Amino acid sequence: MNASTRNTAADPSLRRVDCTTPGKGPWRVIPRPERRCYIVEHRRTKSRHVIYYGTRTERTIEDAEVHSTALCAVLNALKAKRS
């Protein structure tokens, strides 16, 4: 059995993650309008994911905000689940 299939089938709690708020945890969302992006950054390690918006990516500001908030919520939920 594939590891990704096994993990999602064994614990469906991640399907109930509220992706409309970043939640509490080590990950946070930082808006950077001067660079046309949102950064999802880990507070301690400074690891980051950058979600750009604009004409080249064909993503609106609202779409980038929703995407970054959902990513932050899932990362914080995964961290809370491991702890």
PDB file of N, CA and C in Angstrom:
ATOM      1  N   MET A   1       0.852  -1.181   0.000  1.00  0.00           N
ATOM      2  CA  MET A   1       0.000   0.000   0.000  1.00  0.00           C
ATOM      3  C   MET A   1       0.894   1.240   0.000  1.00  0.00           C
ATOM      4  N   ASN A   2       0.523   2.207  -0.778  1.00  0.00           N
ATOM      5  CA  ASN A   2       1.263   3.453  -0.877  1.00  0.00           C
ATOM      6  C   ASN A   2       1.198   4.215   0.450  1.00  0.00           C
ATOM      7  N   ALA A   3       2.297   4.847   0.850  1.00  0.00           N
ATOM      8  CA  ALA A   3       2.348   5.549   2.141  1.00  0.00           C
ATOM      9  C   ALA A   3       1.368   6.704   2.200  1.00  0.00           C
ATOM     10  N   SER A   4       1.215   7.448   1.103  1.00  0.00           N
ATOM     11  CA  SER A   4       0.285   8.583   1.127  1.00  0.00           C
ATOM     12  C   SER A   4      -1.160   8.114   1.239  1.00  0.00           C
ATOM     13  N   THR A   5      -1.492   7.008   0.604  1.00  0.00           N
ATOM     14  CA  THR A   5      -2.847   6.464   0.704  1.00  0.00           C
ATOM     15  C   THR A   5      -3.112   5.946   2.102  1.00  0.00           C
ATOM     16  N   ARG A   6      -2.127   5.291   2.669  1.00  0.00           N
ATOM     17  CA  ARG A   6      -2.279   4.730   4.007  1.00  0.00           C
ATOM     18  C   ARG A   6      -2.481   5.825   5.044  1.00  0.00           C
ATOM     19  N   ASN A   7      -1.741   6.919   4.953  1.00  0.00           N
ATOM     20  CA  ASN A   7      -1.853   7.999   5.939  1.00  0.00           C
ATOM     21  C   ASN A   7      -3.206   8.700   5.878  1.00  0.00           C
ATOM     22  N   THR A   8      -3.720   8.946   4.696  1.00  0.00           N
ATOM     23  CA  THR A   8      -5.000   9.645   4.594  1.00  0.00           C
ATOM     24  C   THR A   8      -6.156   8.729   4.955  1.00  0.00           C
ATOM     25  N   ALA A   9      -6.018   7.445   4.641  1.00  0.00           N
ATOM     26  CA  ALA A   9      -7.102   6.514   4.954  1.00  0.00           C
ATOM     27  C   ALA A   9      -7.147   6.207   6.445  1.00  0.00           C
ATOM     28  N   ALA A  10      -5.988   6.184   7.098  1.00  0.00           N
ATOM     29  CA  ALA A  10      -5.933   5.825   8.508  1.00  0.00           C
ATOM     30  C   ALA A  10      -6.482   6.924   9.408  1.00  0.00           C
ATOM     31  N   ASP A  11      -6.262   8.172   9.051  1.00  0.00           N
ATOM     32  CA  ASP A  11      -6.691   9.264   9.922  1.00  0.00           C
ATOM     33  C   ASP A  11      -7.367  10.363   9.096  1.00  0.00           C
ATOM     34  N   PRO A  12      -8.685  10.380   9.075  1.00  0.00           N
ATOM     35  CA  PRO A  12      -9.389  11.389   8.268  1.00  0.00           C
ATOM     36  C   PRO A  12      -9.498  12.749   8.957  1.00  0.00           C
ATOM     37  N   SER A  13      -8.818  12.975  10.078  1.00  0.00           N
ATOM     38  CA  SER A  13      -8.964  14.242  10.806  1.00  0.00           C
ATOM     39  C   SER A  13      -8.451  15.429  10.009  1.00  0.00           C
ATOM     40  N   LEU A  14      -7.492  15.220   9.101  1.00  0.00           N
ATOM     41  CA  LEU A  14      -6.986  16.338   8.313  1.00  0.00           C
ATOM     42  C   LEU A  14      -8.002  16.818   7.280  1.00  0.00           C
ATOM     43  N   ARG A  15      -9.004  16.035   6.996  1.00  0.00           N
ATOM     44  CA  ARG A  15     -10.059  16.469   6.081  1.00  0.00           C
ATOM     45  C   ARG A  15     -10.916  17.546   6.719  1.00  0.00           C
ATOM     46  N   ARG A  16     -10.878  17.657   8.036  1.00  0.00           N
ATOM     47  CA  ARG A  16     -11.703  18.628   8.756  1.00  0.00           C
ATOM     48  C   ARG A  16     -10.922  19.882   9.141  1.00  0.00           C
ATOM     49  N   VAL A  17      -9.761  20.108   8.556  1.00  0.00           N
ATOM     50  CA  VAL A  17      -8.955  21.284   8.881  1.00  0.00           C
ATOM     51  C   VAL A  17      -9.643  22.532   8.338  1.00  0.00           C
ATOM     52  N   ASP A  18      -9.770  23.554   9.188  1.00  0.00           N
ATOM     53  CA  ASP A  18     -10.350  24.830   8.775  1.00  0.00           C
ATOM     54  C   ASP A  18      -9.281  25.618   8.026  1.00  0.00           C
ATOM     55  N   CYS A  19      -9.419  25.717   6.723  1.00  0.00           N
ATOM     56  CA  CYS A  19      -8.414  26.386   5.892  1.00  0.00           C
ATOM     57  C   CYS A  19      -8.717  27.859   5.659  1.00  0.00           C
ATOM     58  N   THR A  20      -9.651  28.419   6.424  1.00  0.00           N
ATOM     59  CA  THR A  20      -9.955  29.840   6.274  1.00  0.00           C
ATOM     60  C   THR A  20      -9.167  30.702   7.250  1.00  0.00           C
ATOM     61  N   THR A  21      -8.527  30.079   8.260  1.00  0.00           N
ATOM     62  CA  THR A  21      -7.679  30.809   9.199  1.00  0.00           C
ATOM     63  C   THR A  21      -6.352  30.078   9.316  1.00  0.00           C
ATOM     64  N   PRO A  22      -5.247  30.810   9.486  1.00  0.00           N
ATOM     65  CA  PRO A  22      -3.947  30.158   9.568  1.00  0.00           C
ATOM     66  C   PRO A  22      -3.775  29.272  10.801  1.00  0.00           C
ATOM     67  N   GLY A  23      -4.525  29.558  11.861  1.00  0.00           N
ATOM     68  CA  GLY A  23      -4.430  28.748  13.074  1.00  0.00           C
ATOM     69  C   GLY A  23      -3.224  29.110  13.911  1.00  0.00           C
ATOM     70  N   LYS A  24      -3.083  28.398  15.035  1.00  0.00           N
ATOM     71  CA  LYS A  24      -1.956  28.632  15.928  1.00  0.00           C
ATOM     72  C   LYS A  24      -0.873  27.617  15.620  1.00  0.00           C
ATOM     73  N   GLY A  25       0.347  28.058  15.676  1.00  0.00           N
ATOM     74  CA  GLY A  25       1.455  27.161  15.413  1.00  0.00           C
ATOM     75  C   GLY A  25       2.673  27.921  14.938  1.00  0.00           C
ATOM     76  N   PRO A  26       3.680  27.189  14.494  1.00  0.00           N
ATOM     77  CA  PRO A  26       4.936  27.831  14.114  1.00  0.00           C
ATOM     78  C   PRO A  26       4.901  28.524  12.757  1.00  0.00           C
ATOM     79  N   TRP A  27       3.905  28.235  11.920  1.00  0.00           N
ATOM     80  CA  TRP A  27       3.845  28.841  10.593  1.00  0.00           C
ATOM     81  C   TRP A  27       2.991  30.098  10.618  1.00  0.00           C
ATOM     82  N   ARG A  28       3.403  31.113   9.855  1.00  0.00           N
ATOM     83  CA  ARG A  28       2.643  32.366   9.785  1.00  0.00           C
ATOM     84  C   ARG A  28       2.634  32.883   8.348  1.00  0.00           C
ATOM     85  N   VAL A  29       1.656  33.718   8.043  1.00  0.00           N
ATOM     86  CA  VAL A  29       1.506  34.317   6.716  1.00  0.00           C
ATOM     87  C   VAL A  29       1.985  35.757   6.782  1.00  0.00           C
ATOM     88  N   ILE A  30       2.867  36.117   5.855  1.00  0.00           N
ATOM     89  CA  ILE A  30       3.399  37.476   5.788  1.00  0.00           C
ATOM     90  C   ILE A  30       3.067  38.056   4.417  1.00  0.00           C
ATOM     91  N   PRO A  31       2.230  39.094   4.347  1.00  0.00           N
ATOM     92  CA  PRO A  31       1.961  39.720   3.046  1.00  0.00           C
ATOM     93  C   PRO A  31       3.125  40.615   2.629  1.00  0.00           C
ATOM     94  N   ARG A  32       3.509  40.551   1.358  1.00  0.00           N
ATOM     95  CA  ARG A  32       4.576  41.401   0.824  1.00  0.00           C
ATOM     96  C   ARG A  32       4.072  42.053  -0.463  1.00  0.00           C
ATOM     97  N   PRO A  33       3.249  43.119  -0.349  1.00  0.00           N
ATOM     98  CA  PRO A  33       2.669  43.733  -1.551  1.00  0.00           C
ATOM     99  C   PRO A  33       3.717  44.337  -2.492  1.00  0.00           C
ATOM    100  N   GLU A  34       4.842  44.780  -1.957  1.00  0.00           N
ATOM    101  CA  GLU A  34       5.867  45.362  -2.825  1.00  0.00           C
ATOM    102  C   GLU A  34       6.524  44.304  -3.717  1.00  0.00           C
ATOM    103  N   ARG A  35       6.486  43.028  -3.310  1.00  0.00           N
ATOM    104  CA  ARG A  35       7.024  41.925  -4.113  1.00  0.00           C
ATOM    105  C   ARG A  35       5.922  41.121  -4.783  1.00  0.00           C
ATOM    106  N   ARG A  36       4.649  41.522  -4.577  1.00  0.00           N
ATOM    107  CA  ARG A  36       3.474  40.837  -5.124  1.00  0.00           C
ATOM    108  C   ARG A  36       3.450  39.367  -4.715  1.00  0.00           C
ATOM    109  N   CYS A  37       3.553  39.149  -3.406  1.00  0.00           N
ATOM    110  CA  CYS A  37       3.527  37.766  -2.935  1.00  0.00           C
ATOM    111  C   CYS A  37       3.066  37.694  -1.485  1.00  0.00           C
ATOM    112  N   TYR A  38       2.746  36.477  -1.074  1.00  0.00           N
ATOM    113  CA  TYR A  38       2.496  36.139   0.318  1.00  0.00           C
ATOM    114  C   TYR A  38       3.533  35.096   0.689  1.00  0.00           C
ATOM    115  N   ILE A  39       4.100  35.230   1.875  1.00  0.00           N
ATOM    116  CA  ILE A  39       5.112  34.290   2.334  1.00  0.00           C
ATOM    117  C   ILE A  39       4.551  33.517   3.519  1.00  0.00           C
ATOM    118  N   VAL A  40       4.644  32.197   3.455  1.00  0.00           N
ATOM    119  CA  VAL A  40       4.285  31.326   4.571  1.00  0.00           C
ATOM    120  C   VAL A  40       5.610  30.913   5.187  1.00  0.00           C
ATOM    121  N   GLU A  41       5.884  31.424   6.394  1.00  0.00           N
ATOM    122  CA  GLU A  41       7.209  31.273   6.996  1.00  0.00           C
ATOM    123  C   GLU A  41       7.131  30.589   8.353  1.00  0.00           C
ATOM    124  N   HIS A  42       8.102  29.729   8.612  1.00  0.00           N
ATOM    125  CA  HIS A  42       8.229  29.088   9.918  1.00  0.00           C
ATOM    126  C   HIS A  42       8.921  30.085  10.845  1.00  0.00           C
ATOM    127  N   ARG A  43       8.372  30.265  12.033  1.00  0.00           N
ATOM    128  CA  ARG A  43       8.892  31.290  12.945  1.00  0.00           C
ATOM    129  C   ARG A  43      10.318  31.009  13.427  1.00  0.00           C
ATOM    130  N   ARG A  44      10.646  29.747  13.667  1.00  0.00           N
ATOM    131  CA  ARG A  44      11.949  29.427  14.231  1.00  0.00           C
ATOM    132  C   ARG A  44      13.007  29.167  13.149  1.00  0.00           C
ATOM    133  N   THR A  45      12.692  28.322  12.187  1.00  0.00           N
ATOM    134  CA  THR A  45      13.688  27.922  11.194  1.00  0.00           C
ATOM    135  C   THR A  45      13.773  28.857  10.001  1.00  0.00           C
ATOM    136  N   LYS A  46      12.796  29.731   9.855  1.00  0.00           N
ATOM    137  CA  LYS A  46      12.718  30.681   8.736  1.00  0.00           C
ATOM    138  C   LYS A  46      12.576  29.985   7.384  1.00  0.00           C
ATOM    139  N   SER A  47      12.151  28.733   7.395  1.00  0.00           N
ATOM    140  CA  SER A  47      11.814  28.049   6.150  1.00  0.00           C
ATOM    141  C   SER A  47      10.587  28.742   5.580  1.00  0.00           C
ATOM    142  N   ARG A  48      10.537  28.889   4.261  1.00  0.00           N
ATOM    143  CA  ARG A  48       9.439  29.653   3.699  1.00  0.00           C
ATOM    144  C   ARG A  48       8.949  29.099   2.376  1.00  0.00           C
ATOM    145  N   HIS A  49       7.661  29.360   2.128  1.00  0.00           N
ATOM    146  CA  HIS A  49       7.002  29.065   0.862  1.00  0.00           C
ATOM    147  C   HIS A  49       6.469  30.395   0.354  1.00  0.00           C
ATOM    148  N   VAL A  50       6.726  30.705  -0.897  1.00  0.00           N
ATOM    149  CA  VAL A  50       6.311  31.987  -1.468  1.00  0.00           C
ATOM    150  C   VAL A  50       5.201  31.747  -2.482  1.00  0.00           C
ATOM    151  N   ILE A  51       4.098  32.459  -2.328  1.00  0.00           N
ATOM    152  CA  ILE A  51       2.977  32.382  -3.252  1.00  0.00           C
ATOM    153  C   ILE A  51       2.858  33.742  -3.934  1.00  0.00           C
ATOM    154  N   TYR A  52       3.190  33.773  -5.219  1.00  0.00           N
ATOM    155  CA  TYR A  52       3.164  35.016  -5.983  1.00  0.00           C
ATOM    156  C   TYR A  52       1.787  35.237  -6.593  1.00  0.00           C
ATOM    157  N   TYR A  53       1.490  36.499  -6.908  1.00  0.00           N
ATOM    158  CA  TYR A  53       0.280  36.849  -7.646  1.00  0.00           C
ATOM    159  C   TYR A  53       0.630  37.927  -8.652  1.00  0.00           C
ATOM    160  N   GLY A  54      -0.206  38.052  -9.658  1.00  0.00           N
ATOM    161  CA  GLY A  54       0.027  39.062 -10.684  1.00  0.00           C
ATOM    162  C   GLY A  54      -0.234  38.506 -12.068  1.00  0.00           C
ATOM    163  N   THR A  55       0.215  39.247 -13.089  1.00  0.00           N
ATOM    164  CA  THR A  55      -0.089  38.870 -14.463  1.00  0.00           C
ATOM    165  C   THR A  55       0.674  37.635 -14.923  1.00  0.00           C
ATOM    166  N   ARG A  56       1.893  37.439 -14.460  1.00  0.00           N
ATOM    167  CA  ARG A  56       2.660  36.273 -14.904  1.00  0.00           C
ATOM    168  C   ARG A  56       2.117  34.968 -14.341  1.00  0.00           C
ATOM    169  N   THR A  57       1.654  35.013 -13.115  1.00  0.00           N
ATOM    170  CA  THR A  57       1.124  33.793 -12.498  1.00  0.00           C
ATOM    171  C   THR A  57      -0.362  33.616 -12.770  1.00  0.00           C
ATOM    172  N   GLU A  58      -1.014  34.659 -13.264  1.00  0.00           N
ATOM    173  CA  GLU A  58      -2.460  34.670 -13.499  1.00  0.00           C
ATOM    174  C   GLU A  58      -3.239  34.348 -12.230  1.00  0.00           C
ATOM    175  N   ARG A  59      -2.706  34.754 -11.088  1.00  0.00           N
ATOM    176  CA  ARG A  59      -3.365  34.560  -9.793  1.00  0.00           C
ATOM    177  C   ARG A  59      -3.690  35.936  -9.235  1.00  0.00           C
ATOM    178  N   THR A  60      -4.922  36.112  -8.744  1.00  0.00           N
ATOM    179  CA  THR A  60      -5.321  37.397  -8.171  1.00  0.00           C
ATOM    180  C   THR A  60      -4.798  37.499  -6.732  1.00  0.00           C
ATOM    181  N   ILE A  61      -4.887  38.693  -6.178  1.00  0.00           N
ATOM    182  CA  ILE A  61      -4.473  38.903  -4.789  1.00  0.00           C
ATOM    183  C   ILE A  61      -5.311  38.044  -3.853  1.00  0.00           C
ATOM    184  N   GLU A  62      -6.610  37.982  -4.116  1.00  0.00           N
ATOM    185  CA  GLU A  62      -7.507  37.193  -3.267  1.00  0.00           C
ATOM    186  C   GLU A  62      -7.174  35.705  -3.344  1.00  0.00           C
ATOM    187  N   ASP A  63      -6.885  35.210  -4.548  1.00  0.00           N
ATOM    188  CA  ASP A  63      -6.521  33.802  -4.707  1.00  0.00           C
ATOM    189  C   ASP A  63      -5.215  33.481  -3.976  1.00  0.00           C
ATOM    190  N   ALA A  64      -4.244  34.388  -4.067  1.00  0.00           N
ATOM    191  CA  ALA A  64      -2.971  34.172  -3.382  1.00  0.00           C
ATOM    192  C   ALA A  64      -3.158  34.194  -1.867  1.00  0.00           C
ATOM    193  N   GLU A  65      -4.028  35.065  -1.380  1.00  0.00           N
ATOM    194  CA  GLU A  65      -4.292  35.125   0.055  1.00  0.00           C
ATOM    195  C   GLU A  65      -4.974  33.843   0.542  1.00  0.00           C
ATOM    196  N   VAL A  66      -5.943  33.359  -0.210  1.00  0.00           N
ATOM    197  CA  VAL A  66      -6.630  32.118   0.149  1.00  0.00           C
ATOM    198  C   VAL A  66      -5.658  30.945   0.118  1.00  0.00           C
ATOM    199  N   HIS A  67      -4.830  30.892  -0.921  1.00  0.00           N
ATOM    200  CA  HIS A  67      -3.854  29.801  -1.064  1.00  0.00           C
ATOM    201  C   HIS A  67      -2.857  29.807   0.093  1.00  0.00           C
ATOM    202  N   SER A  68      -2.317  30.966   0.431  1.00  0.00           N
ATOM    203  CA  SER A  68      -1.325  31.036   1.506  1.00  0.00           C
ATOM    204  C   SER A  68      -1.939  30.739   2.871  1.00  0.00           C
ATOM    205  N   THR A  69      -3.165  31.192   3.102  1.00  0.00           N
ATOM    206  CA  THR A  69      -3.839  30.911   4.371  1.00  0.00           C
ATOM    207  C   THR A  69      -4.126  29.421   4.514  1.00  0.00           C
ATOM    208  N   ALA A  70      -4.577  28.797   3.437  1.00  0.00           N
ATOM    209  CA  ALA A  70      -4.852  27.359   3.479  1.00  0.00           C
ATOM    210  C   ALA A  70      -3.574  26.562   3.700  1.00  0.00           C
ATOM    211  N   LEU A  71      -2.487  26.945   3.030  1.00  0.00           N
ATOM    212  CA  LEU A  71      -1.212  26.253   3.210  1.00  0.00           C
ATOM    213  C   LEU A  71      -0.723  26.383   4.643  1.00  0.00           C
ATOM    214  N   CYS A  72      -0.826  27.572   5.212  1.00  0.00           N
ATOM    215  CA  CYS A  72      -0.420  27.806   6.596  1.00  0.00           C
ATOM    216  C   CYS A  72      -1.271  26.988   7.558  1.00  0.00           C
ATOM    217  N   ALA A  73      -2.568  26.927   7.321  1.00  0.00           N
ATOM    218  CA  ALA A  73      -3.463  26.154   8.190  1.00  0.00           C
ATOM    219  C   ALA A  73      -3.118  24.671   8.163  1.00  0.00           C
ATOM    220  N   VAL A  74      -2.848  24.140   6.986  1.00  0.00           N
ATOM    221  CA  VAL A  74      -2.512  22.719   6.876  1.00  0.00           C
ATOM    222  C   VAL A  74      -1.170  22.427   7.534  1.00  0.00           C
ATOM    223  N   LEU A  75      -0.178  23.278   7.330  1.00  0.00           N
ATOM    224  CA  LEU A  75       1.130  23.061   7.958  1.00  0.00           C
ATOM    225  C   LEU A  75       1.036  23.124   9.482  1.00  0.00           C
ATOM    226  N   ASN A  76       0.259  24.073  10.002  1.00  0.00           N
ATOM    227  CA  ASN A  76       0.082  24.162  11.452  1.00  0.00           C
ATOM    228  C   ASN A  76      -0.698  22.969  11.993  1.00  0.00           C
ATOM    229  N   ALA A  77      -1.673  22.481  11.227  1.00  0.00           N
ATOM    230  CA  ALA A  77      -2.440  21.297  11.661  1.00  0.00           C
ATOM    231  C   ALA A  77      -1.557  20.057  11.678  1.00  0.00           C
ATOM    232  N   LEU A  78      -0.695  19.926  10.672  1.00  0.00           N
ATOM    233  CA  LEU A  78       0.226  18.790  10.651  1.00  0.00           C
ATOM    234  C   LEU A  78       1.194  18.827  11.839  1.00  0.00           C
ATOM    235  N   LYS A  79       1.676  20.005  12.146  1.00  0.00           N
ATOM    236  CA  LYS A  79       2.585  20.151  13.282  1.00  0.00           C
ATOM    237  C   LYS A  79       1.871  19.814  14.586  1.00  0.00           C
ATOM    238  N   ALA A  80       0.643  20.293  14.745  1.00  0.00           N
ATOM    239  CA  ALA A  80      -0.124  20.003  15.963  1.00  0.00           C
ATOM    240  C   ALA A  80      -0.419  18.516  16.069  1.00  0.00           C
ATOM    241  N   LYS A  81      -0.645  17.865  14.949  1.00  0.00           N
ATOM    242  CA  LYS A  81      -0.948  16.431  14.952  1.00  0.00           C
ATOM    243  C   LYS A  81       0.284  15.622  15.367  1.00  0.00           C
ATOM    244  N   ARG A  82       1.466  16.052  14.947  1.00  0.00           N
ATOM    245  CA  ARG A  82       2.715  15.338  15.287  1.00  0.00           C
ATOM    246  C   ARG A  82       3.093  15.519  16.754  1.00  0.00           C
ATOM    247  N   SER A  83       2.745  16.645  17.321  1.00  0.00           N
ATOM    248  CA  SER A  83       3.165  16.947  18.706  1.00  0.00           C
ATOM    249  C   SER A  83       2.355  16.205  19.726  1.00  0.00           C
TER     250      SER A  83
END
